[in-house]
Amino acid sequence: MIRHTVAFSLHHSAGSAEEADFLEAARALADIPGVQQFEQLRQVSPKSEFTFCFSMEFGTQQAYQHYNDHPVHTAFVRGRWEPEVAAFQELDFVPLSTS
């Protein structure tokens, strides 16, 4: 299992129609085959510069790669993410072995 997370801030004003439109458009990522447990999260701690986080899981490395290469994802990155995201940090995790 891979948990893919990306914390980010937008160029848009908080609560703006542009912010809402970006978040709505991002929901299309959840429909890409292999995406599991898609969540959109809002930051509540003043300790972080990021406002939002997207989190999702993939059962295999192949499913994760399929997501990265999928036309819906690449179009979202080019058309929305690159022009509208001010700053971000991407983190990908796998569970620690307990044995």
PDB file of N, CA and C in Angstrom:
ATOM      1  N   MET A   1       0.842  -1.178   0.000  1.00  0.00           N
ATOM      2  CA  MET A   1       0.000   0.000   0.000  1.00  0.00           C
ATOM      3  C   MET A   1       0.888   1.244   0.000  1.00  0.00           C
ATOM      4  N   ILE A   2       0.514   2.205  -0.794  1.00  0.00           N
ATOM      5  CA  ILE A   2       1.195   3.502  -0.843  1.00  0.00           C
ATOM      6  C   ILE A   2       0.173   4.565  -0.481  1.00  0.00           C
ATOM      7  N   ARG A   3       0.500   5.409   0.470  1.00  0.00           N
ATOM      8  CA  ARG A   3      -0.343   6.567   0.782  1.00  0.00           C
ATOM      9  C   ARG A   3       0.338   7.793   0.190  1.00  0.00           C
ATOM     10  N   HIS A   4      -0.325   8.371  -0.775  1.00  0.00           N
ATOM     11  CA  HIS A   4       0.167   9.560  -1.489  1.00  0.00           C
ATOM     12  C   HIS A   4      -0.500  10.783  -0.871  1.00  0.00           C
ATOM     13  N   THR A   5       0.294  11.736  -0.421  1.00  0.00           N
ATOM     14  CA  THR A   5      -0.239  12.972   0.150  1.00  0.00           C
ATOM     15  C   THR A   5       0.448  14.161  -0.485  1.00  0.00           C
ATOM     16  N   VAL A   6      -0.307  15.223  -0.599  1.00  0.00           N
ATOM     17  CA  VAL A   6       0.281  16.481  -1.060  1.00  0.00           C
ATOM     18  C   VAL A   6      -0.391  17.613  -0.286  1.00  0.00           C
ATOM     19  N   ALA A   7       0.419  18.333   0.483  1.00  0.00           N
ATOM     20  CA  ALA A   7      -0.054  19.504   1.218  1.00  0.00           C
ATOM     21  C   ALA A   7       0.264  20.728   0.370  1.00  0.00           C
ATOM     22  N   PHE A   8      -0.671  21.696   0.352  1.00  0.00           N
ATOM     23  CA  PHE A   8      -0.477  22.818  -0.564  1.00  0.00           C
ATOM     24  C   PHE A   8      -1.263  24.045  -0.134  1.00  0.00           C
ATOM     25  N   SER A   9      -0.885  25.156  -0.723  1.00  0.00           N
ATOM     26  CA  SER A   9      -1.613  26.419  -0.609  1.00  0.00           C
ATOM     27  C   SER A   9      -1.893  26.923  -2.014  1.00  0.00           C
ATOM     28  N   LEU A  10      -2.989  27.629  -2.149  1.00  0.00           N
ATOM     29  CA  LEU A  10      -3.394  28.168  -3.446  1.00  0.00           C
ATOM     30  C   LEU A  10      -3.085  29.654  -3.551  1.00  0.00           C
ATOM     31  N   HIS A  11      -3.034  30.145  -4.756  1.00  0.00           N
ATOM     32  CA  HIS A  11      -2.918  31.581  -4.991  1.00  0.00           C
ATOM     33  C   HIS A  11      -4.232  32.298  -4.673  1.00  0.00           C
ATOM     34  N   HIS A  12      -5.333  31.567  -4.644  1.00  0.00           N
ATOM     35  CA  HIS A  12      -6.666  32.145  -4.453  1.00  0.00           C
ATOM     36  C   HIS A  12      -6.910  32.552  -3.001  1.00  0.00           C
ATOM     37  N   SER A  13      -7.776  33.504  -2.818  1.00  0.00           N
ATOM     38  CA  SER A  13      -8.185  33.936  -1.484  1.00  0.00           C
ATOM     39  C   SER A  13      -9.007  32.851  -0.810  1.00  0.00           C
ATOM     40  N   ALA A  14      -8.844  32.754   0.506  1.00  0.00           N
ATOM     41  CA  ALA A  14      -9.606  31.784   1.292  1.00  0.00           C
ATOM     42  C   ALA A  14     -11.099  32.044   1.147  1.00  0.00           C
ATOM     43  N   GLY A  15     -11.842  30.992   0.883  1.00  0.00           N
ATOM     44  CA  GLY A  15     -13.286  31.105   0.750  1.00  0.00           C
ATOM     45  C   GLY A  15     -13.768  31.633  -0.587  1.00  0.00           C
ATOM     46  N   SER A  16     -12.868  31.867  -1.514  1.00  0.00           N
ATOM     47  CA  SER A  16     -13.242  32.441  -2.809  1.00  0.00           C
ATOM     48  C   SER A  16     -13.881  31.390  -3.718  1.00  0.00           C
ATOM     49  N   ALA A  17     -14.575  31.875  -4.721  1.00  0.00           N
ATOM     50  CA  ALA A  17     -15.167  30.987  -5.733  1.00  0.00           C
ATOM     51  C   ALA A  17     -14.072  30.227  -6.478  1.00  0.00           C
ATOM     52  N   GLU A  18     -12.933  30.862  -6.705  1.00  0.00           N
ATOM     53  CA  GLU A  18     -11.819  30.205  -7.389  1.00  0.00           C
ATOM     54  C   GLU A  18     -11.273  29.042  -6.564  1.00  0.00           C
ATOM     55  N   GLU A  19     -11.165  29.242  -5.259  1.00  0.00           N
ATOM     56  CA  GLU A  19     -10.713  28.171  -4.366  1.00  0.00           C
ATOM     57  C   GLU A  19     -11.692  26.994  -4.433  1.00  0.00           C
ATOM     58  N   ALA A  20     -12.975  27.279  -4.317  1.00  0.00           N
ATOM     59  CA  ALA A  20     -14.005  26.230  -4.367  1.00  0.00           C
ATOM     60  C   ALA A  20     -13.988  25.508  -5.706  1.00  0.00           C
ATOM     61  N   ASP A  21     -13.792  26.229  -6.791  1.00  0.00           N
ATOM     62  CA  ASP A  21     -13.760  25.627  -8.115  1.00  0.00           C
ATOM     63  C   ASP A  21     -12.559  24.689  -8.259  1.00  0.00           C
ATOM     64  N   PHE A  22     -11.404  25.088  -7.748  1.00  0.00           N
ATOM     65  CA  PHE A  22     -10.213  24.242  -7.790  1.00  0.00           C
ATOM     66  C   PHE A  22     -10.461  22.940  -7.039  1.00  0.00           C
ATOM     67  N   LEU A  23     -10.993  23.045  -5.830  1.00  0.00           N
ATOM     68  CA  LEU A  23     -11.239  21.853  -5.011  1.00  0.00           C
ATOM     69  C   LEU A  23     -12.271  20.937  -5.664  1.00  0.00           C
ATOM     70  N   GLU A  24     -13.289  21.512  -6.270  1.00  0.00           N
ATOM     71  CA  GLU A  24     -14.292  20.707  -6.975  1.00  0.00           C
ATOM     72  C   GLU A  24     -13.668  20.001  -8.168  1.00  0.00           C
ATOM     73  N   ALA A  25     -12.862  20.695  -8.935  1.00  0.00           N
ATOM     74  CA  ALA A  25     -12.211  20.095 -10.103  1.00  0.00           C
ATOM     75  C   ALA A  25     -11.294  18.937  -9.698  1.00  0.00           C
ATOM     76  N   ALA A  26     -10.663  19.062  -8.547  1.00  0.00           N
ATOM     77  CA  ALA A  26      -9.737  18.027  -8.075  1.00  0.00           C
ATOM     78  C   ALA A  26     -10.447  16.728  -7.725  1.00  0.00           C
ATOM     79  N   ARG A  27     -11.746  16.786  -7.489  1.00  0.00           N
ATOM     80  CA  ARG A  27     -12.494  15.562  -7.158  1.00  0.00           C
ATOM     81  C   ARG A  27     -12.445  14.541  -8.295  1.00  0.00           C
ATOM     82  N   ALA A  28     -12.172  14.988  -9.498  1.00  0.00           N
ATOM     83  CA  ALA A  28     -12.051  14.068 -10.631  1.00  0.00           C
ATOM     84  C   ALA A  28     -10.907  13.081 -10.439  1.00  0.00           C
ATOM     85  N   LEU A  29      -9.912  13.442  -9.640  1.00  0.00           N
ATOM     86  CA  LEU A  29      -8.780  12.548  -9.383  1.00  0.00           C
ATOM     87  C   LEU A  29      -9.231  11.267  -8.684  1.00  0.00           C
ATOM     88  N   ALA A  30     -10.279  11.354  -7.889  1.00  0.00           N
ATOM     89  CA  ALA A  30     -10.777  10.193  -7.150  1.00  0.00           C
ATOM     90  C   ALA A  30     -11.333   9.122  -8.080  1.00  0.00           C
ATOM     91  N   ASP A  31     -11.714   9.491  -9.289  1.00  0.00           N
ATOM     92  CA  ASP A  31     -12.311   8.553 -10.233  1.00  0.00           C
ATOM     93  C   ASP A  31     -11.291   7.818 -11.094  1.00  0.00           C
ATOM     94  N   ILE A  32     -10.016   8.162 -10.945  1.00  0.00           N
ATOM     95  CA  ILE A  32      -8.976   7.473 -11.705  1.00  0.00           C
ATOM     96  C   ILE A  32      -8.855   6.053 -11.154  1.00  0.00           C
ATOM     97  N   PRO A  33      -8.873   5.037 -12.033  1.00  0.00           N
ATOM     98  CA  PRO A  33      -8.763   3.658 -11.555  1.00  0.00           C
ATOM     99  C   PRO A  33      -7.531   3.455 -10.672  1.00  0.00           C
ATOM    100  N   GLY A  34      -7.733   2.778  -9.551  1.00  0.00           N
ATOM    101  CA  GLY A  34      -6.648   2.491  -8.609  1.00  0.00           C
ATOM    102  C   GLY A  34      -6.608   3.429  -7.426  1.00  0.00           C
ATOM    103  N   VAL A  35      -7.254   4.594  -7.523  1.00  0.00           N
ATOM    104  CA  VAL A  35      -7.286   5.540  -6.406  1.00  0.00           C
ATOM    105  C   VAL A  35      -8.262   5.017  -5.347  1.00  0.00           C
ATOM    106  N   GLN A  36      -7.778   4.947  -4.111  1.00  0.00           N
ATOM    107  CA  GLN A  36      -8.593   4.517  -2.979  1.00  0.00           C
ATOM    108  C   GLN A  36      -8.501   5.568  -1.880  1.00  0.00           C
ATOM    109  N   GLN A  37      -9.544   5.679  -1.092  1.00  0.00           N
ATOM    110  CA  GLN A  37      -9.546   6.536   0.099  1.00  0.00           C
ATOM    111  C   GLN A  37      -9.153   7.988  -0.216  1.00  0.00           C
ATOM    112  N   PHE A  38      -9.659   8.534  -1.315  1.00  0.00           N
ATOM    113  CA  PHE A  38      -9.347   9.915  -1.670  1.00  0.00           C
ATOM    114  C   PHE A  38      -9.979  10.856  -0.653  1.00  0.00           C
ATOM    115  N   GLU A  39      -9.183  11.783  -0.134  1.00  0.00           N
ATOM    116  CA  GLU A  39      -9.676  12.777   0.815  1.00  0.00           C
ATOM    117  C   GLU A  39      -9.126  14.155   0.467  1.00  0.00           C
ATOM    118  N   GLN A  40      -9.948  15.161   0.689  1.00  0.00           N
ATOM    119  CA  GLN A  40      -9.510  16.551   0.644  1.00  0.00           C
ATOM    120  C   GLN A  40      -9.580  17.044   2.086  1.00  0.00           C
ATOM    121  N   LEU A  41      -8.480  17.576   2.577  1.00  0.00           N
ATOM    122  CA  LEU A  41      -8.373  17.989   3.975  1.00  0.00           C
ATOM    123  C   LEU A  41      -7.986  19.453   4.064  1.00  0.00           C
ATOM    124  N   ARG A  42      -8.490  20.121   5.108  1.00  0.00           N
ATOM    125  CA  ARG A  42      -8.141  21.521   5.359  1.00  0.00           C
ATOM    126  C   ARG A  42      -7.244  21.584   6.603  1.00  0.00           C
ATOM    127  N   GLN A  43      -6.173  22.342   6.498  1.00  0.00           N
ATOM    128  CA  GLN A  43      -5.225  22.541   7.605  1.00  0.00           C
ATOM    129  C   GLN A  43      -5.870  23.377   8.713  1.00  0.00           C
ATOM    130  N   VAL A  44      -5.696  22.960   9.962  1.00  0.00           N
ATOM    131  CA  VAL A  44      -6.226  23.731  11.088  1.00  0.00           C
ATOM    132  C   VAL A  44      -5.121  24.189  12.040  1.00  0.00           C
ATOM    133  N   SER A  45      -3.902  23.768  11.797  1.00  0.00           N
ATOM    134  CA  SER A  45      -2.796  24.146  12.678  1.00  0.00           C
ATOM    135  C   SER A  45      -2.072  25.385  12.157  1.00  0.00           C
ATOM    136  N   PRO A  46      -1.750  26.320  13.031  1.00  0.00           N
ATOM    137  CA  PRO A  46      -0.967  27.486  12.600  1.00  0.00           C
ATOM    138  C   PRO A  46       0.517  27.151  12.375  1.00  0.00           C
ATOM    139  N   LYS A  47       0.919  25.913  12.623  1.00  0.00           N
ATOM    140  CA  LYS A  47       2.319  25.507  12.482  1.00  0.00           C
ATOM    141  C   LYS A  47       2.718  25.201  11.039  1.00  0.00           C
ATOM    142  N   SER A  48       1.766  25.201  10.147  1.00  0.00           N
ATOM    143  CA  SER A  48       2.053  24.874   8.748  1.00  0.00           C
ATOM    144  C   SER A  48       1.663  26.015   7.837  1.00  0.00           C
ATOM    145  N   GLU A  49       2.443  26.211   6.808  1.00  0.00           N
ATOM    146  CA  GLU A  49       2.139  27.239   5.807  1.00  0.00           C
ATOM    147  C   GLU A  49       1.111  26.753   4.790  1.00  0.00           C
ATOM    148  N   PHE A  50       0.824  25.447   4.770  1.00  0.00           N
ATOM    149  CA  PHE A  50      -0.083  24.881   3.780  1.00  0.00           C
ATOM    150  C   PHE A  50      -1.522  24.937   4.268  1.00  0.00           C
ATOM    151  N   THR A  51      -2.441  25.113   3.336  1.00  0.00           N
ATOM    152  CA  THR A  51      -3.860  25.270   3.644  1.00  0.00           C
ATOM    153  C   THR A  51      -4.643  23.978   3.484  1.00  0.00           C
ATOM    154  N   PHE A  52      -4.276  23.164   2.500  1.00  0.00           N
ATOM    155  CA  PHE A  52      -5.020  21.955   2.159  1.00  0.00           C
ATOM    156  C   PHE A  52      -4.090  20.761   2.018  1.00  0.00           C
ATOM    157  N   CYS A  53      -4.711  19.586   2.006  1.00  0.00           N
ATOM    158  CA  CYS A  53      -3.988  18.350   1.708  1.00  0.00           C
ATOM    159  C   CYS A  53      -4.916  17.428   0.933  1.00  0.00           C
ATOM    160  N   PHE A  54      -4.382  16.796  -0.087  1.00  0.00           N
ATOM    161  CA  PHE A  54      -5.057  15.684  -0.740  1.00  0.00           C
ATOM    162  C   PHE A  54      -4.341  14.423  -0.279  1.00  0.00           C
ATOM    163  N   SER A  55      -5.113  13.416   0.057  1.00  0.00           N
ATOM    164  CA  SER A  55      -4.557  12.139   0.482  1.00  0.00           C
ATOM    165  C   SER A  55      -5.296  11.031  -0.249  1.00  0.00           C
ATOM    166  N   MET A  56      -4.560  10.027  -0.680  1.00  0.00           N
ATOM    167  CA  MET A  56      -5.162   8.876  -1.353  1.00  0.00           C
ATOM    168  C   MET A  56      -4.251   7.684  -1.189  1.00  0.00           C
ATOM    169  N   GLU A  57      -4.802   6.511  -1.410  1.00  0.00           N
ATOM    170  CA  GLU A  57      -4.034   5.279  -1.280  1.00  0.00           C
ATOM    171  C   GLU A  57      -4.068   4.500  -2.576  1.00  0.00           C
ATOM    172  N   PHE A  58      -3.018   3.707  -2.770  1.00  0.00           N
ATOM    173  CA  PHE A  58      -2.894   2.816  -3.920  1.00  0.00           C
ATOM    174  C   PHE A  58      -2.461   1.457  -3.403  1.00  0.00           C
ATOM    175  N   GLY A  59      -3.044   0.414  -3.974  1.00  0.00           N
ATOM    176  CA  GLY A  59      -2.727  -0.938  -3.522  1.00  0.00           C
ATOM    177  C   GLY A  59      -1.361  -1.419  -3.949  1.00  0.00           C
ATOM    178  N   THR A  60      -0.863  -0.880  -5.065  1.00  0.00           N
ATOM    179  CA  THR A  60       0.425  -1.328  -5.602  1.00  0.00           C
ATOM    180  C   THR A  60       1.181  -0.150  -6.207  1.00  0.00           C
ATOM    181  N   GLN A  61       2.456  -0.362  -6.425  1.00  0.00           N
ATOM    182  CA  GLN A  61       3.273   0.642  -7.111  1.00  0.00           C
ATOM    183  C   GLN A  61       2.760   0.842  -8.537  1.00  0.00           C
ATOM    184  N   GLN A  62       2.300  -0.233  -9.165  1.00  0.00           N
ATOM    185  CA  GLN A  62       1.758  -0.145 -10.519  1.00  0.00           C
ATOM    186  C   GLN A  62       0.520   0.750 -10.556  1.00  0.00           C
ATOM    187  N   ALA A  63      -0.361   0.616  -9.578  1.00  0.00           N
ATOM    188  CA  ALA A  63      -1.560   1.464  -9.516  1.00  0.00           C
ATOM    189  C   ALA A  63      -1.178   2.927  -9.323  1.00  0.00           C
ATOM    190  N   TYR A  64      -0.165   3.175  -8.501  1.00  0.00           N
ATOM    191  CA  TYR A  64       0.315   4.541  -8.272  1.00  0.00           C
ATOM    192  C   TYR A  64       0.896   5.128  -9.556  1.00  0.00           C
ATOM    193  N   GLN A  65       1.672   4.332 -10.279  1.00  0.00           N
ATOM    194  CA  GLN A  65       2.254   4.806 -11.538  1.00  0.00           C
ATOM    195  C   GLN A  65       1.167   5.067 -12.572  1.00  0.00           C
ATOM    196  N   HIS A  66       0.150   4.201 -12.596  1.00  0.00           N
ATOM    197  CA  HIS A  66      -0.977   4.404 -13.513  1.00  0.00           C
ATOM    198  C   HIS A  66      -1.656   5.748 -13.232  1.00  0.00           C
ATOM    199  N   TYR A  67      -1.852   6.057 -11.961  1.00  0.00           N
ATOM    200  CA  TYR A  67      -2.432   7.349 -11.556  1.00  0.00           C
ATOM    201  C   TYR A  67      -1.566   8.510 -12.049  1.00  0.00           C
ATOM    202  N   ASN A  68      -0.268   8.428 -11.812  1.00  0.00           N
ATOM    203  CA  ASN A  68       0.637   9.507 -12.225  1.00  0.00           C
ATOM    204  C   ASN A  68       0.604   9.755 -13.722  1.00  0.00           C
ATOM    205  N   ASP A  69       0.445   8.688 -14.504  1.00  0.00           N
ATOM    206  CA  ASP A  69       0.474   8.791 -15.961  1.00  0.00           C
ATOM    207  C   ASP A  69      -0.911   9.002 -16.570  1.00  0.00           C
ATOM    208  N   HIS A  70      -1.959   8.891 -15.779  1.00  0.00           N
ATOM    209  CA  HIS A  70      -3.322   8.952 -16.299  1.00  0.00           C
ATOM    210  C   HIS A  70      -3.613  10.337 -16.893  1.00  0.00           C
ATOM    211  N   PRO A  71      -4.299  10.403 -18.035  1.00  0.00           N
ATOM    212  CA  PRO A  71      -4.576  11.699 -18.672  1.00  0.00           C
ATOM    213  C   PRO A  71      -5.379  12.672 -17.802  1.00  0.00           C
ATOM    214  N   VAL A  72      -6.267  12.174 -16.967  1.00  0.00           N
ATOM    215  CA  VAL A  72      -7.017  13.071 -16.073  1.00  0.00           C
ATOM    216  C   VAL A  72      -6.063  13.738 -15.084  1.00  0.00           C
ATOM    217  N   HIS A  73      -5.119  12.976 -14.548  1.00  0.00           N
ATOM    218  CA  HIS A  73      -4.136  13.531 -13.606  1.00  0.00           C
ATOM    219  C   HIS A  73      -3.201  14.508 -14.307  1.00  0.00           C
ATOM    220  N   THR A  74      -2.643  14.117 -15.435  1.00  0.00           N
ATOM    221  CA  THR A  74      -1.686  15.007 -16.106  1.00  0.00           C
ATOM    222  C   THR A  74      -2.361  16.289 -16.582  1.00  0.00           C
ATOM    223  N   ALA A  75      -3.613  16.198 -17.026  1.00  0.00           N
ATOM    224  CA  ALA A  75      -4.337  17.407 -17.437  1.00  0.00           C
ATOM    225  C   ALA A  75      -4.624  18.308 -16.238  1.00  0.00           C
ATOM    226  N   PHE A  76      -4.965  17.714 -15.102  1.00  0.00           N
ATOM    227  CA  PHE A  76      -5.213  18.513 -13.899  1.00  0.00           C
ATOM    228  C   PHE A  76      -3.930  19.224 -13.455  1.00  0.00           C
ATOM    229  N   VAL A  77      -2.825  18.518 -13.490  1.00  0.00           N
ATOM    230  CA  VAL A  77      -1.544  19.124 -13.093  1.00  0.00           C
ATOM    231  C   VAL A  77      -1.199  20.300 -14.002  1.00  0.00           C
ATOM    232  N   ARG A  78      -1.298  20.101 -15.298  1.00  0.00           N
ATOM    233  CA  ARG A  78      -0.959  21.171 -16.249  1.00  0.00           C
ATOM    234  C   ARG A  78      -1.952  22.324 -16.201  1.00  0.00           C
ATOM    235  N   GLY A  79      -3.236  21.986 -16.191  1.00  0.00           N
ATOM    236  CA  GLY A  79      -4.257  23.012 -16.347  1.00  0.00           C
ATOM    237  C   GLY A  79      -4.689  23.720 -15.080  1.00  0.00           C
ATOM    238  N   ARG A  80      -4.555  23.051 -13.939  1.00  0.00           N
ATOM    239  CA  ARG A  80      -5.037  23.643 -12.689  1.00  0.00           C
ATOM    240  C   ARG A  80      -3.917  23.769 -11.652  1.00  0.00           C
ATOM    241  N   TRP A  81      -3.214  22.663 -11.390  1.00  0.00           N
ATOM    242  CA  TRP A  81      -2.219  22.637 -10.313  1.00  0.00           C
ATOM    243  C   TRP A  81      -1.104  23.656 -10.564  1.00  0.00           C
ATOM    244  N   GLU A  82      -0.450  23.563 -11.683  1.00  0.00           N
ATOM    245  CA  GLU A  82       0.704  24.437 -11.945  1.00  0.00           C
ATOM    246  C   GLU A  82       0.348  25.922 -11.895  1.00  0.00           C
ATOM    247  N   PRO A  83      -0.767  26.362 -12.495  1.00  0.00           N
ATOM    248  CA  PRO A  83      -1.062  27.796 -12.431  1.00  0.00           C
ATOM    249  C   PRO A  83      -1.691  28.273 -11.116  1.00  0.00           C
ATOM    250  N   GLU A  84      -2.313  27.375 -10.332  1.00  0.00           N
ATOM    251  CA  GLU A  84      -3.092  27.823  -9.187  1.00  0.00           C
ATOM    252  C   GLU A  84      -2.478  27.518  -7.822  1.00  0.00           C
ATOM    253  N   VAL A  85      -1.522  26.605  -7.759  1.00  0.00           N
ATOM    254  CA  VAL A  85      -0.909  26.231  -6.481  1.00  0.00           C
ATOM    255  C   VAL A  85       0.313  27.106  -6.231  1.00  0.00           C
ATOM    256  N   ALA A  86       0.319  27.743  -5.053  1.00  0.00           N
ATOM    257  CA  ALA A  86       1.408  28.654  -4.691  1.00  0.00           C
ATOM    258  C   ALA A  86       2.617  27.912  -4.130  1.00  0.00           C
ATOM    259  N   ALA A  87       2.367  26.866  -3.345  1.00  0.00           N
ATOM    260  CA  ALA A  87       3.450  26.100  -2.719  1.00  0.00           C
ATOM    261  C   ALA A  87       2.891  24.737  -2.344  1.00  0.00           C
ATOM    262  N   PHE A  88       3.765  23.715  -2.353  1.00  0.00           N
ATOM    263  CA  PHE A  88       3.293  22.382  -1.968  1.00  0.00           C
ATOM    264  C   PHE A  88       4.444  21.512  -1.503  1.00  0.00           C
ATOM    265  N   GLN A  89       4.074  20.442  -0.825  1.00  0.00           N
ATOM    266  CA  GLN A  89       5.017  19.392  -0.451  1.00  0.00           C
ATOM    267  C   GLN A  89       4.325  18.055  -0.653  1.00  0.00           C
ATOM    268  N   GLU A  90       4.941  17.205  -1.443  1.00  0.00           N
ATOM    269  CA  GLU A  90       4.398  15.880  -1.722  1.00  0.00           C
ATOM    270  C   GLU A  90       5.131  14.854  -0.886  1.00  0.00           C
ATOM    271  N   LEU A  91       4.376  13.966  -0.251  1.00  0.00           N
ATOM    272  CA  LEU A  91       4.949  12.902   0.563  1.00  0.00           C
ATOM    273  C   LEU A  91       4.233  11.605   0.226  1.00  0.00           C
ATOM    274  N   ASP A  92       5.003  10.550   0.014  1.00  0.00           N
ATOM    275  CA  ASP A  92       4.455   9.232  -0.280  1.00  0.00           C
ATOM    276  C   ASP A  92       4.993   8.251   0.751  1.00  0.00           C
ATOM    277  N   PHE A  93       4.084   7.490   1.361  1.00  0.00           N
ATOM    278  CA  PHE A  93       4.432   6.614   2.465  1.00  0.00           C
ATOM    279  C   PHE A  93       4.016   5.181   2.179  1.00  0.00           C
ATOM    280  N   VAL A  94       4.791   4.244   2.706  1.00  0.00           N
ATOM    281  CA  VAL A  94       4.400   2.840   2.768  1.00  0.00           C
ATOM    282  C   VAL A  94       4.452   2.424   4.231  1.00  0.00           C
ATOM    283  N   PRO A  95       3.631   1.454   4.650  1.00  0.00           N
ATOM    284  CA  PRO A  95       3.647   1.034   6.051  1.00  0.00           C
ATOM    285  C   PRO A  95       4.997   0.448   6.452  1.00  0.00           C
ATOM    286  N   LEU A  96       5.359   0.691   7.690  1.00  0.00           N
ATOM    287  CA  LEU A  96       6.555   0.059   8.243  1.00  0.00           C
ATOM    288  C   LEU A  96       6.266  -1.416   8.506  1.00  0.00           C
ATOM    289  N   SER A  97       7.252  -2.241   8.281  1.00  0.00           N
ATOM    290  CA  SER A  97       7.091  -3.652   8.578  1.00  0.00           C
ATOM    291  C   SER A  97       7.061  -3.830  10.100  1.00  0.00           C
ATOM    292  N   THR A  98       6.155  -4.651  10.582  1.00  0.00           N
ATOM    293  CA  THR A  98       6.052  -4.875  12.024  1.00  0.00           C
ATOM    294  C   THR A  98       6.738  -6.155  12.454  1.00  0.00           C
ATOM    295  N   SER A  99       7.389  -6.847  11.519  1.00  0.00           N
ATOM    296  CA  SER A  99       8.060  -8.092  11.886  1.00  0.00           C
ATOM    297  C   SER A  99       9.523  -7.884  12.183  1.00  0.00           C
TER     298      SER A  99
END
